[in-house]
Amino acid sequence: MLFNSHCIDVLEPFAYLTPACRLQSESQIPHLNLTFILTCLNHSTYGFYIQNKSKISNSNLEVFVSKFNEVGSDKWYTTVSNFDQPNLAHWYRRQGDWECIVFRDKNTGERRGWYLLNRAGITKVTFHGLNQELGIEDASTI
């Protein structure tokens, strides 16, 4: 399911919420059903799913996803080691948009980034290391 008509109405105002801050937003929006919003966001099929398979620990590796089209957050967040945590691995971005994904080692400050097109609606990104290429998979489901 892509979105149902009820999700469309609530998704756009909350598209900026990143996985880490979605649960903190209830006090900011007490008049809305947060469970309903989270359910809609979790069923989103747009964006990037990002996992870390490098030798850099998740606590030392951060990822940044641009918001060239004003959707989402462009702050740094720690990575997760697999796609099994969709609330932490997912960055909502629109299908067909180009975005820049950058990884940073907090210990060394070294960074590497890629421009990616979210062609399929969902793009799975696997980080293997700062000196290696990304694993990229276009997928319609996760």
N, C-alpha and C. Protein backbone atom coordinates (compact mmCIF):
# COMPACT_ATOMS: atom_id res chain seq x y z
N MET A 1 0.85 -1.18 0.00
CA MET A 1 0.00 0.00 0.00
C MET A 1 0.89 1.23 0.00
N LEU A 2 0.66 2.09 -0.93
CA LEU A 2 1.45 3.31 -1.01
C LEU A 2 1.03 4.28 0.09
N PHE A 3 -0.10 4.88 -0.01
CA PHE A 3 -0.72 5.71 1.02
C PHE A 3 -2.22 5.54 0.85
N ASN A 4 -2.96 5.61 1.94
CA ASN A 4 -4.40 5.72 1.75
C ASN A 4 -4.74 7.21 1.80
N SER A 5 -5.95 7.55 1.44
CA SER A 5 -6.31 8.97 1.34
C SER A 5 -6.21 9.69 2.67
N HIS A 6 -6.39 8.98 3.77
CA HIS A 6 -6.29 9.63 5.09
C HIS A 6 -4.84 9.97 5.42
N CYS A 7 -3.91 9.16 4.95
CA CYS A 7 -2.50 9.43 5.23
C CYS A 7 -1.99 10.65 4.48
N ILE A 8 -2.46 10.86 3.28
CA ILE A 8 -2.00 11.99 2.48
C ILE A 8 -2.19 13.30 3.23
N ASP A 9 -3.32 13.45 3.90
CA ASP A 9 -3.62 14.70 4.60
C ASP A 9 -2.66 14.98 5.74
N VAL A 10 -2.21 13.94 6.43
CA VAL A 10 -1.35 14.17 7.59
C VAL A 10 0.13 14.01 7.28
N LEU A 11 0.47 13.37 6.19
CA LEU A 11 1.88 13.13 5.91
C LEU A 11 2.67 14.40 5.62
N GLU A 12 2.18 15.24 4.76
CA GLU A 12 2.96 16.38 4.32
C GLU A 12 3.39 17.30 5.48
N PRO A 13 2.48 17.65 6.40
CA PRO A 13 2.95 18.52 7.50
C PRO A 13 3.99 17.86 8.40
N PHE A 14 4.05 16.52 8.41
CA PHE A 14 4.98 15.84 9.30
C PHE A 14 6.13 15.18 8.54
N ALA A 15 6.28 15.50 7.28
CA ALA A 15 7.35 14.91 6.48
C ALA A 15 8.73 15.27 7.02
N TYR A 16 8.83 16.41 7.70
CA TYR A 16 10.12 16.84 8.23
C TYR A 16 10.55 16.00 9.43
N LEU A 17 9.66 15.28 10.04
CA LEU A 17 10.01 14.51 11.23
C LEU A 17 10.89 13.34 10.86
N THR A 18 12.01 13.24 11.51
CA THR A 18 12.93 12.15 11.27
C THR A 18 12.56 11.00 12.19
N PRO A 19 13.06 9.79 11.90
CA PRO A 19 12.72 8.66 12.77
C PRO A 19 13.00 8.93 14.24
N ALA A 20 14.11 9.59 14.54
CA ALA A 20 14.49 9.80 15.93
C ALA A 20 13.56 10.75 16.67
N CYS A 21 12.90 11.67 15.96
CA CYS A 21 12.09 12.66 16.67
C CYS A 21 10.59 12.42 16.54
N ARG A 22 10.17 11.43 15.79
CA ARG A 22 8.74 11.21 15.61
C ARG A 22 8.04 10.94 16.95
N LEU A 23 8.67 10.16 17.80
CA LEU A 23 8.03 9.82 19.07
C LEU A 23 8.03 10.99 20.05
N GLN A 24 8.87 11.99 19.81
CA GLN A 24 8.93 13.14 20.69
C GLN A 24 7.91 14.22 20.30
N SER A 25 7.18 13.99 19.25
CA SER A 25 6.34 15.06 18.71
C SER A 25 4.95 15.11 19.33
N GLU A 26 4.57 14.17 20.17
CA GLU A 26 3.22 14.14 20.70
C GLU A 26 2.87 15.41 21.46
N SER A 27 3.80 15.95 22.23
CA SER A 27 3.49 17.17 22.98
C SER A 27 3.30 18.37 22.05
N GLN A 28 3.90 18.31 20.86
CA GLN A 28 3.76 19.40 19.92
C GLN A 28 2.44 19.32 19.15
N ILE A 29 1.84 18.13 19.09
CA ILE A 29 0.61 17.95 18.31
C ILE A 29 -0.42 17.15 19.11
N PRO A 30 -0.80 17.63 20.28
CA PRO A 30 -1.69 16.84 21.14
C PRO A 30 -3.07 16.62 20.54
N HIS A 31 -3.51 17.43 19.60
CA HIS A 31 -4.84 17.31 19.04
C HIS A 31 -4.92 16.24 17.95
N LEU A 32 -3.79 15.69 17.55
CA LEU A 32 -3.79 14.66 16.52
C LEU A 32 -3.50 13.30 17.13
N ASN A 33 -3.95 12.26 16.46
CA ASN A 33 -3.70 10.90 16.90
C ASN A 33 -2.31 10.49 16.43
N LEU A 34 -1.33 10.51 17.34
CA LEU A 34 0.05 10.22 16.98
C LEU A 34 0.21 8.80 16.46
N THR A 35 -0.51 7.85 17.03
CA THR A 35 -0.42 6.47 16.55
C THR A 35 -0.84 6.39 15.10
N PHE A 36 -1.89 7.11 14.74
CA PHE A 36 -2.35 7.13 13.36
C PHE A 36 -1.29 7.72 12.43
N ILE A 37 -0.66 8.80 12.86
CA ILE A 37 0.37 9.44 12.04
C ILE A 37 1.56 8.51 11.88
N LEU A 38 2.00 7.88 12.96
CA LEU A 38 3.13 6.97 12.88
C LEU A 38 2.82 5.79 11.98
N THR A 39 1.60 5.28 12.03
CA THR A 39 1.21 4.19 11.16
C THR A 39 1.30 4.62 9.71
N CYS A 40 0.83 5.80 9.39
CA CYS A 40 0.91 6.30 8.02
C CYS A 40 2.35 6.46 7.58
N LEU A 41 3.20 7.02 8.45
CA LEU A 41 4.59 7.23 8.08
C LEU A 41 5.32 5.91 7.90
N ASN A 42 5.03 4.94 8.74
CA ASN A 42 5.70 3.65 8.64
C ASN A 42 5.30 2.89 7.39
N HIS A 43 4.14 3.18 6.82
CA HIS A 43 3.72 2.53 5.60
C HIS A 43 4.15 3.31 4.36
N SER A 44 4.90 4.37 4.56
CA SER A 44 5.38 5.16 3.43
C SER A 44 6.29 4.30 2.57
N THR A 45 6.11 4.39 1.27
CA THR A 45 7.02 3.66 0.39
C THR A 45 7.96 4.60 -0.34
N TYR A 46 8.11 5.80 0.16
CA TYR A 46 9.03 6.74 -0.47
C TYR A 46 10.23 6.98 0.42
N GLY A 47 11.39 7.08 -0.17
CA GLY A 47 12.56 7.48 0.58
C GLY A 47 13.71 6.51 0.51
N PHE A 48 14.63 6.68 1.45
CA PHE A 48 15.85 5.89 1.53
C PHE A 48 15.85 5.08 2.82
N TYR A 49 16.21 3.81 2.70
CA TYR A 49 16.50 2.98 3.86
C TYR A 49 18.01 2.82 3.88
N ILE A 50 18.64 3.12 5.03
CA ILE A 50 20.10 3.17 5.11
C ILE A 50 20.58 2.25 6.23
N GLN A 51 21.55 1.40 5.90
CA GLN A 51 22.15 0.52 6.90
C GLN A 51 23.67 0.59 6.82
N ASN A 52 24.32 0.30 7.95
CA ASN A 52 25.77 0.33 8.06
C ASN A 52 26.31 -1.09 8.13
N LYS A 53 27.12 -1.48 7.16
CA LYS A 53 27.78 -2.79 7.18
C LYS A 53 29.30 -2.61 7.16
N SER A 54 29.77 -1.45 7.58
CA SER A 54 31.21 -1.17 7.58
C SER A 54 31.83 -1.61 8.90
N LYS A 55 33.14 -1.41 9.00
CA LYS A 55 33.85 -1.71 10.25
C LYS A 55 33.71 -0.58 11.26
N ILE A 56 33.14 0.56 10.85
CA ILE A 56 32.92 1.68 11.77
C ILE A 56 31.65 1.38 12.57
N SER A 57 31.72 1.49 13.88
CA SER A 57 30.56 1.18 14.72
C SER A 57 29.43 2.18 14.46
N ASN A 58 28.21 1.73 14.69
CA ASN A 58 27.05 2.61 14.50
C ASN A 58 27.15 3.85 15.38
N SER A 59 27.71 3.72 16.58
CA SER A 59 27.79 4.88 17.47
C SER A 59 28.79 5.91 16.96
N ASN A 60 29.71 5.51 16.08
CA ASN A 60 30.70 6.45 15.54
C ASN A 60 30.43 6.89 14.11
N LEU A 61 29.40 6.32 13.48
CA LEU A 61 29.09 6.66 12.10
C LEU A 61 27.77 7.42 12.04
N GLU A 62 27.81 8.57 11.40
CA GLU A 62 26.61 9.38 11.22
C GLU A 62 26.30 9.49 9.74
N VAL A 63 25.02 9.71 9.46
CA VAL A 63 24.57 9.87 8.08
C VAL A 63 23.71 11.12 7.98
N PHE A 64 23.83 11.78 6.84
CA PHE A 64 23.11 12.99 6.52
C PHE A 64 22.43 12.76 5.18
N VAL A 65 21.15 13.08 5.08
CA VAL A 65 20.43 13.01 3.81
C VAL A 65 19.90 14.41 3.52
N SER A 66 20.29 14.95 2.37
CA SER A 66 19.88 16.31 2.02
C SER A 66 18.36 16.40 1.89
N LYS A 67 17.89 17.61 1.82
CA LYS A 67 16.46 17.85 1.59
C LYS A 67 16.32 18.91 0.51
N PHE A 68 16.87 18.60 -0.64
CA PHE A 68 16.87 19.55 -1.76
C PHE A 68 15.45 20.01 -2.11
N ASN A 69 14.48 19.16 -1.92
CA ASN A 69 13.10 19.51 -2.26
C ASN A 69 12.27 19.84 -1.04
N GLU A 70 12.95 20.30 0.03
CA GLU A 70 12.28 20.79 1.24
C GLU A 70 11.46 19.74 1.96
N VAL A 71 11.83 18.48 1.82
CA VAL A 71 11.11 17.39 2.51
C VAL A 71 12.10 16.68 3.41
N GLY A 72 11.77 16.55 4.68
CA GLY A 72 12.60 15.80 5.61
C GLY A 72 13.54 16.69 6.40
N SER A 73 14.43 16.04 7.14
CA SER A 73 15.42 16.72 7.96
C SER A 73 16.80 16.49 7.36
N ASP A 74 17.65 17.49 7.43
CA ASP A 74 19.01 17.33 6.92
C ASP A 74 20.04 17.39 8.05
N LYS A 75 19.67 16.86 9.20
CA LYS A 75 20.58 16.79 10.33
C LYS A 75 21.36 15.46 10.28
N TRP A 76 22.42 15.38 11.07
CA TRP A 76 23.21 14.16 11.18
C TRP A 76 22.56 13.21 12.17
N TYR A 77 22.52 11.92 11.82
CA TYR A 77 21.96 10.89 12.70
C TYR A 77 22.87 9.67 12.70
N THR A 78 22.89 8.95 13.80
CA THR A 78 23.67 7.71 13.85
C THR A 78 23.01 6.66 12.96
N THR A 79 23.83 5.75 12.49
CA THR A 79 23.35 4.71 11.58
C THR A 79 22.84 3.50 12.36
N VAL A 80 22.16 2.61 11.64
CA VAL A 80 21.75 1.32 12.18
C VAL A 80 22.35 0.23 11.31
N SER A 81 22.45 -0.98 11.87
CA SER A 81 23.16 -2.05 11.17
C SER A 81 22.30 -2.86 10.21
N ASN A 82 20.98 -2.61 10.18
CA ASN A 82 20.15 -3.36 9.24
C ASN A 82 18.85 -2.62 8.97
N PHE A 83 18.14 -3.12 7.96
CA PHE A 83 16.86 -2.53 7.58
C PHE A 83 15.72 -2.99 8.48
N ASP A 84 16.01 -3.89 9.44
CA ASP A 84 14.96 -4.44 10.30
C ASP A 84 14.41 -3.43 11.31
N GLN A 85 15.00 -2.26 11.35
CA GLN A 85 14.54 -1.19 12.24
C GLN A 85 14.05 -0.03 11.36
N PRO A 86 12.91 -0.20 10.68
CA PRO A 86 12.49 0.82 9.72
C PRO A 86 12.27 2.20 10.34
N ASN A 87 11.91 2.26 11.60
CA ASN A 87 11.71 3.57 12.23
C ASN A 87 13.02 4.33 12.40
N LEU A 88 14.16 3.62 12.36
CA LEU A 88 15.46 4.27 12.48
C LEU A 88 16.23 4.29 11.16
N ALA A 89 15.92 3.38 10.25
CA ALA A 89 16.66 3.25 9.00
C ALA A 89 16.07 4.07 7.86
N HIS A 90 14.86 4.59 8.03
CA HIS A 90 14.13 5.22 6.92
C HIS A 90 14.23 6.74 6.94
N TRP A 91 14.51 7.33 5.78
CA TRP A 91 14.46 8.77 5.55
C TRP A 91 13.42 9.02 4.49
N TYR A 92 12.36 9.70 4.83
CA TYR A 92 11.31 9.99 3.85
C TYR A 92 11.82 11.02 2.85
N ARG A 93 11.76 10.67 1.58
CA ARG A 93 12.03 11.59 0.49
C ARG A 93 11.12 11.19 -0.67
N ARG A 94 10.79 12.12 -1.52
CA ARG A 94 9.85 11.85 -2.61
C ARG A 94 10.50 11.03 -3.72
N GLN A 95 9.67 10.24 -4.37
CA GLN A 95 10.11 9.46 -5.52
C GLN A 95 10.50 10.39 -6.65
N GLY A 96 11.58 10.06 -7.34
CA GLY A 96 12.03 10.84 -8.48
C GLY A 96 12.92 12.00 -8.14
N ASP A 97 13.22 12.21 -6.87
CA ASP A 97 14.07 13.33 -6.45
C ASP A 97 15.51 12.87 -6.26
N TRP A 98 16.44 13.75 -6.58
CA TRP A 98 17.86 13.54 -6.29
C TRP A 98 18.14 14.04 -4.88
N GLU A 99 18.95 13.31 -4.14
CA GLU A 99 19.38 13.74 -2.80
C GLU A 99 20.85 13.36 -2.63
N CYS A 100 21.49 14.04 -1.71
CA CYS A 100 22.88 13.75 -1.36
C CYS A 100 22.90 13.01 -0.03
N ILE A 101 23.55 11.86 -0.01
CA ILE A 101 23.69 11.08 1.22
C ILE A 101 25.16 11.09 1.58
N VAL A 102 25.46 11.55 2.81
CA VAL A 102 26.84 11.69 3.26
C VAL A 102 27.02 10.91 4.55
N PHE A 103 28.13 10.18 4.64
CA PHE A 103 28.49 9.45 5.86
C PHE A 103 29.69 10.12 6.48
N ARG A 104 29.73 10.16 7.83
CA ARG A 104 30.81 10.83 8.55
C ARG A 104 31.25 9.96 9.73
N ASP A 105 32.55 9.74 9.82
CA ASP A 105 33.14 9.06 10.96
C ASP A 105 33.35 10.13 12.04
N LYS A 106 32.65 9.99 13.16
CA LYS A 106 32.73 11.02 14.22
C LYS A 106 34.13 11.10 14.82
N ASN A 107 34.87 9.99 14.84
CA ASN A 107 36.21 10.00 15.43
C ASN A 107 37.23 10.74 14.58
N THR A 108 37.20 10.55 13.27
CA THR A 108 38.20 11.14 12.40
C THR A 108 37.72 12.39 11.67
N GLY A 109 36.40 12.56 11.58
CA GLY A 109 35.83 13.66 10.83
C GLY A 109 35.78 13.41 9.33
N GLU A 110 36.32 12.26 8.90
CA GLU A 110 36.32 11.93 7.47
C GLU A 110 34.90 11.73 6.96
N ARG A 111 34.63 12.24 5.74
CA ARG A 111 33.30 12.17 5.15
C ARG A 111 33.37 11.66 3.73
N ARG A 112 32.26 11.08 3.30
CA ARG A 112 32.10 10.72 1.89
C ARG A 112 30.63 10.75 1.56
N GLY A 113 30.32 11.31 0.38
CA GLY A 113 28.93 11.44 -0.01
C GLY A 113 28.67 11.03 -1.44
N TRP A 114 27.41 10.77 -1.72
CA TRP A 114 26.95 10.37 -3.04
C TRP A 114 25.65 11.09 -3.35
N TYR A 115 25.44 11.46 -4.62
CA TYR A 115 24.15 11.95 -5.08
C TYR A 115 23.39 10.75 -5.62
N LEU A 116 22.18 10.55 -5.12
CA LEU A 116 21.38 9.40 -5.53
C LEU A 116 20.01 9.85 -5.98
N LEU A 117 19.50 9.18 -6.99
CA LEU A 117 18.14 9.40 -7.47
C LEU A 117 17.24 8.35 -6.86
N ASN A 118 16.19 8.80 -6.19
CA ASN A 118 15.22 7.88 -5.61
C ASN A 118 14.21 7.50 -6.70
N ARG A 119 14.66 6.69 -7.63
CA ARG A 119 13.91 6.37 -8.84
C ARG A 119 12.70 5.48 -8.54
N ALA A 120 12.85 4.47 -7.71
CA ALA A 120 11.80 3.47 -7.52
C ALA A 120 10.82 3.83 -6.41
N GLY A 121 11.07 4.90 -5.69
CA GLY A 121 10.23 5.22 -4.54
C GLY A 121 10.92 4.85 -3.26
N ILE A 122 11.53 3.66 -3.23
CA ILE A 122 12.37 3.24 -2.11
C ILE A 122 13.74 2.90 -2.68
N THR A 123 14.76 3.45 -2.07
CA THR A 123 16.13 3.09 -2.43
C THR A 123 16.80 2.58 -1.17
N LYS A 124 17.26 1.34 -1.21
CA LYS A 124 17.99 0.74 -0.09
C LYS A 124 19.47 1.06 -0.27
N VAL A 125 20.08 1.61 0.77
CA VAL A 125 21.49 2.03 0.71
C VAL A 125 22.25 1.28 1.80
N THR A 126 23.32 0.60 1.40
CA THR A 126 24.18 -0.10 2.34
C THR A 126 25.57 0.51 2.29
N PHE A 127 26.01 1.03 3.44
CA PHE A 127 27.33 1.65 3.57
C PHE A 127 28.34 0.57 3.95
N HIS A 128 29.42 0.44 3.13
CA HIS A 128 30.45 -0.57 3.37
C HIS A 128 31.75 0.02 3.87
N GLY A 129 31.91 1.33 3.79
CA GLY A 129 33.13 1.96 4.26
C GLY A 129 33.41 3.23 3.47
N LEU A 130 34.24 4.09 4.05
CA LEU A 130 34.54 5.37 3.42
C LEU A 130 35.36 5.23 2.14
N ASN A 131 36.05 4.11 1.99
CA ASN A 131 36.86 3.87 0.79
C ASN A 131 36.23 2.84 -0.13
N GLN A 132 34.96 2.57 0.06
CA GLN A 132 34.26 1.59 -0.77
C GLN A 132 33.01 2.23 -1.35
N GLU A 133 32.48 1.60 -2.39
CA GLU A 133 31.24 2.09 -2.98
C GLU A 133 30.04 1.65 -2.16
N LEU A 134 28.94 2.36 -2.32
CA LEU A 134 27.70 2.01 -1.64
C LEU A 134 27.06 0.81 -2.32
N GLY A 135 26.33 0.04 -1.53
CA GLY A 135 25.41 -0.94 -2.09
C GLY A 135 24.09 -0.23 -2.27
N ILE A 136 23.57 -0.21 -3.49
CA ILE A 136 22.33 0.51 -3.79
C ILE A 136 21.36 -0.44 -4.47
N GLU A 137 20.14 -0.47 -3.96
CA GLU A 137 19.12 -1.33 -4.53
C GLU A 137 17.81 -0.54 -4.63
N ASP A 138 17.29 -0.41 -5.83
CA ASP A 138 15.96 0.18 -6.01
C ASP A 138 14.94 -0.91 -5.69
N ALA A 139 13.95 -0.56 -4.91
CA ALA A 139 12.95 -1.55 -4.51
C ALA A 139 11.60 -0.87 -4.35
N SER A 140 10.55 -1.59 -4.61
CA SER A 140 9.22 -1.03 -4.41
C SER A 140 8.65 -1.42 -3.06
N THR A 141 9.28 -2.36 -2.39
CA THR A 141 8.86 -2.74 -1.04
C THR A 141 10.11 -2.97 -0.20
N ILE A 142 9.92 -2.92 1.10
CA ILE A 142 11.06 -3.14 2.00
C ILE A 142 10.75 -4.29 2.92
